[in-house]
Amino acid sequence: MKVSINLRSVRSVQVHEYAMRFLFGGSITVIAGLAAKAWGPTVAGLLLAFPAILPASLTLLEKHQRRRKRRAGKNGAKRGREAAALDAAGASLGCAGLAVFALIVWLCLPRYPPWLVLISAGLSWLVVSVGMWRAWELR
């Protein structure tokens, strides 16, 4: 399965599916806020690192792929699972970049201007994430 961007698929998402993503992501954020009050910002930061909308997105992606194949007269269960797995793999690659971002901010913020740290960390995230994605494609 080749990684690609299909902006036409945005139109196929129904309003209740966006609402489900919003509610799930918002719930994770509220839980992180409550954790910050109870146990401090370190625990809350770990919770916020959880990709809040990923589980909802994966299930919706699988459902859309299955539906698309069914319209073509085929069983889309395998295609749906493959699409969700590929999306989860991409999220994992992005999380590796996010870990590099967090490490740079953690190590550099006390010593350097915040704007410089954020720009450096953001560029590092981009390089690591895109680099890992390209390496994934070349395997």
Protein backbone atom coordinates (compact mmCIF):
# COMPACT_ATOMS: atom_id res chain seq x y z
CA MET A 1 0.00 0.00 0.00
CA LYS A 2 1.48 3.35 -1.06
CA VAL A 3 1.28 6.35 1.25
CA SER A 4 -0.59 9.22 -0.39
CA ILE A 5 -2.83 12.18 0.32
CA ASN A 6 -6.38 12.19 -0.99
CA LEU A 7 -8.18 15.44 -0.16
CA ARG A 8 -11.40 14.19 -1.79
CA SER A 9 -11.83 11.78 1.11
CA VAL A 10 -12.38 14.74 3.46
CA ARG A 11 -15.78 15.27 1.81
CA SER A 12 -16.82 11.69 2.56
CA VAL A 13 -16.53 12.16 6.33
CA GLN A 14 -19.86 12.79 8.00
CA VAL A 15 -20.47 15.40 10.69
CA HIS A 16 -21.03 12.82 13.45
CA GLU A 17 -17.61 11.32 12.66
CA TYR A 18 -15.94 14.69 13.20
CA ALA A 19 -17.94 15.06 16.42
CA MET A 20 -16.70 11.68 17.64
CA ARG A 21 -13.09 12.71 17.03
CA PHE A 22 -13.64 16.04 18.75
CA LEU A 23 -15.27 14.45 21.81
CA PHE A 24 -12.60 11.77 22.14
CA GLY A 25 -9.76 14.30 21.81
CA GLY A 26 -11.46 16.70 24.20
CA SER A 27 -11.98 13.93 26.74
CA ILE A 28 -8.29 13.04 26.70
CA THR A 29 -7.43 16.73 27.22
CA VAL A 30 -9.86 17.03 30.16
CA ILE A 31 -8.40 13.88 31.74
CA ALA A 32 -4.90 15.34 31.34
CA GLY A 33 -6.05 18.57 33.00
CA LEU A 34 -7.51 16.66 35.94
CA ALA A 35 -4.31 14.62 36.20
CA ALA A 36 -2.28 17.86 36.26
CA LYS A 37 -4.33 19.10 39.21
CA ALA A 38 -3.98 15.80 41.06
CA TRP A 39 -0.44 14.65 40.23
CA GLY A 40 1.34 17.56 38.57
CA PRO A 41 2.37 18.57 35.07
CA THR A 42 4.73 15.63 34.45
CA VAL A 43 1.94 13.05 34.57
CA ALA A 44 -0.37 15.34 32.58
CA GLY A 45 2.32 15.79 29.92
CA LEU A 46 2.54 12.05 29.47
CA LEU A 47 -1.22 11.87 28.98
CA LEU A 48 -1.20 14.72 26.49
CA ALA A 49 1.42 12.86 24.47
CA PHE A 50 -1.25 10.23 23.79
CA PRO A 51 -2.52 10.78 20.26
CA ALA A 52 -5.99 11.78 21.33
CA ILE A 53 -7.85 11.29 18.06
CA LEU A 54 -5.86 8.37 16.69
CA PRO A 55 -8.15 5.55 17.92
CA ALA A 56 -11.25 7.28 16.53
CA SER A 57 -9.47 8.06 13.26
CA LEU A 58 -8.29 4.48 12.80
CA THR A 59 -11.74 3.01 13.27
CA LEU A 60 -13.29 5.55 10.91
CA LEU A 61 -10.59 4.96 8.30
CA GLU A 62 -11.16 1.21 8.46
CA LYS A 63 -14.91 1.71 8.09
CA HIS A 64 -14.53 4.03 5.09
CA GLN A 65 -12.16 1.66 3.29
CA ARG A 66 -14.48 -1.28 3.93
CA ARG A 67 -17.46 0.70 2.63
CA ARG A 68 -15.57 1.82 -0.49
CA LYS A 69 -14.59 -1.76 -1.37
CA ARG A 70 -18.09 -3.04 -0.66
CA ARG A 71 -19.48 -0.55 -3.20
CA ALA A 72 -17.07 -2.05 -5.73
CA GLY A 73 -18.48 -5.51 -4.98
CA LYS A 74 -15.53 -6.74 -2.94
CA ASN A 75 -14.96 -7.66 0.68
CA GLY A 76 -13.10 -4.66 2.09
CA ALA A 77 -12.23 -6.05 5.52
CA LYS A 78 -8.60 -6.74 4.63
CA ARG A 79 -8.17 -3.38 2.87
CA GLY A 80 -9.70 -1.58 5.86
CA ARG A 81 -7.31 -3.27 8.30
CA GLU A 82 -4.34 -2.52 6.05
CA ALA A 83 -5.28 1.16 5.77
CA ALA A 84 -5.70 1.48 9.55
CA ALA A 85 -2.39 -0.31 10.15
CA LEU A 86 -0.60 1.99 7.72
CA ASP A 87 -2.08 5.05 9.41
CA ALA A 88 -1.02 3.74 12.83
CA ALA A 89 2.51 3.14 11.51
CA GLY A 90 2.62 6.73 10.25
CA ALA A 91 1.48 7.98 13.63
CA SER A 92 4.28 5.99 15.26
CA LEU A 93 6.84 7.63 12.98
CA GLY A 94 5.41 11.03 13.87
CA CYS A 95 5.64 10.16 17.57
CA ALA A 96 9.35 9.44 17.18
CA GLY A 97 9.73 12.96 15.81
CA LEU A 98 7.65 14.28 18.69
CA ALA A 99 9.99 12.55 21.17
CA VAL A 100 12.95 14.35 19.56
CA PHE A 101 11.00 17.64 19.78
CA ALA A 102 10.33 17.07 23.49
CA LEU A 103 13.94 16.12 24.21
CA ILE A 104 15.28 19.26 22.54
CA VAL A 105 12.82 21.49 24.39
CA TRP A 106 13.58 19.80 27.71
CA LEU A 107 17.36 20.09 27.30
CA CYS A 108 17.58 23.52 25.65
CA LEU A 109 14.77 25.65 27.06
CA PRO A 110 16.56 26.58 30.31
CA ARG A 111 19.62 27.83 28.38
CA TYR A 112 18.38 29.41 25.14
CA PRO A 113 15.64 31.84 24.06
CA PRO A 114 12.24 30.11 23.77
CA TRP A 115 11.70 31.18 20.16
CA LEU A 116 15.03 29.62 19.13
CA VAL A 117 14.32 26.40 21.02
CA LEU A 118 10.85 26.02 19.49
CA ILE A 119 12.08 26.68 15.96
CA SER A 120 14.96 24.21 16.42
CA ALA A 121 12.72 21.58 17.99
CA GLY A 122 10.07 22.03 15.28
CA LEU A 123 12.59 21.65 12.49
CA SER A 124 14.07 18.61 14.23
CA TRP A 125 10.61 17.03 14.49
CA LEU A 126 10.07 17.65 10.79
CA VAL A 127 13.44 16.19 9.76
CA VAL A 128 13.08 13.09 11.95
CA SER A 129 9.45 12.40 10.98
CA VAL A 130 9.94 12.91 7.25
CA GLY A 131 13.25 11.04 7.33
CA MET A 132 11.67 8.05 9.04
CA TRP A 133 8.76 8.12 6.61
CA ARG A 134 11.14 8.15 3.63
CA ALA A 135 13.15 5.29 5.15
CA TRP A 136 9.88 3.38 5.63
CA GLU A 137 8.99 3.89 1.98
CA LEU A 138 12.40 2.70 0.79
CA ARG A 139 12.42 -0.54 2.77
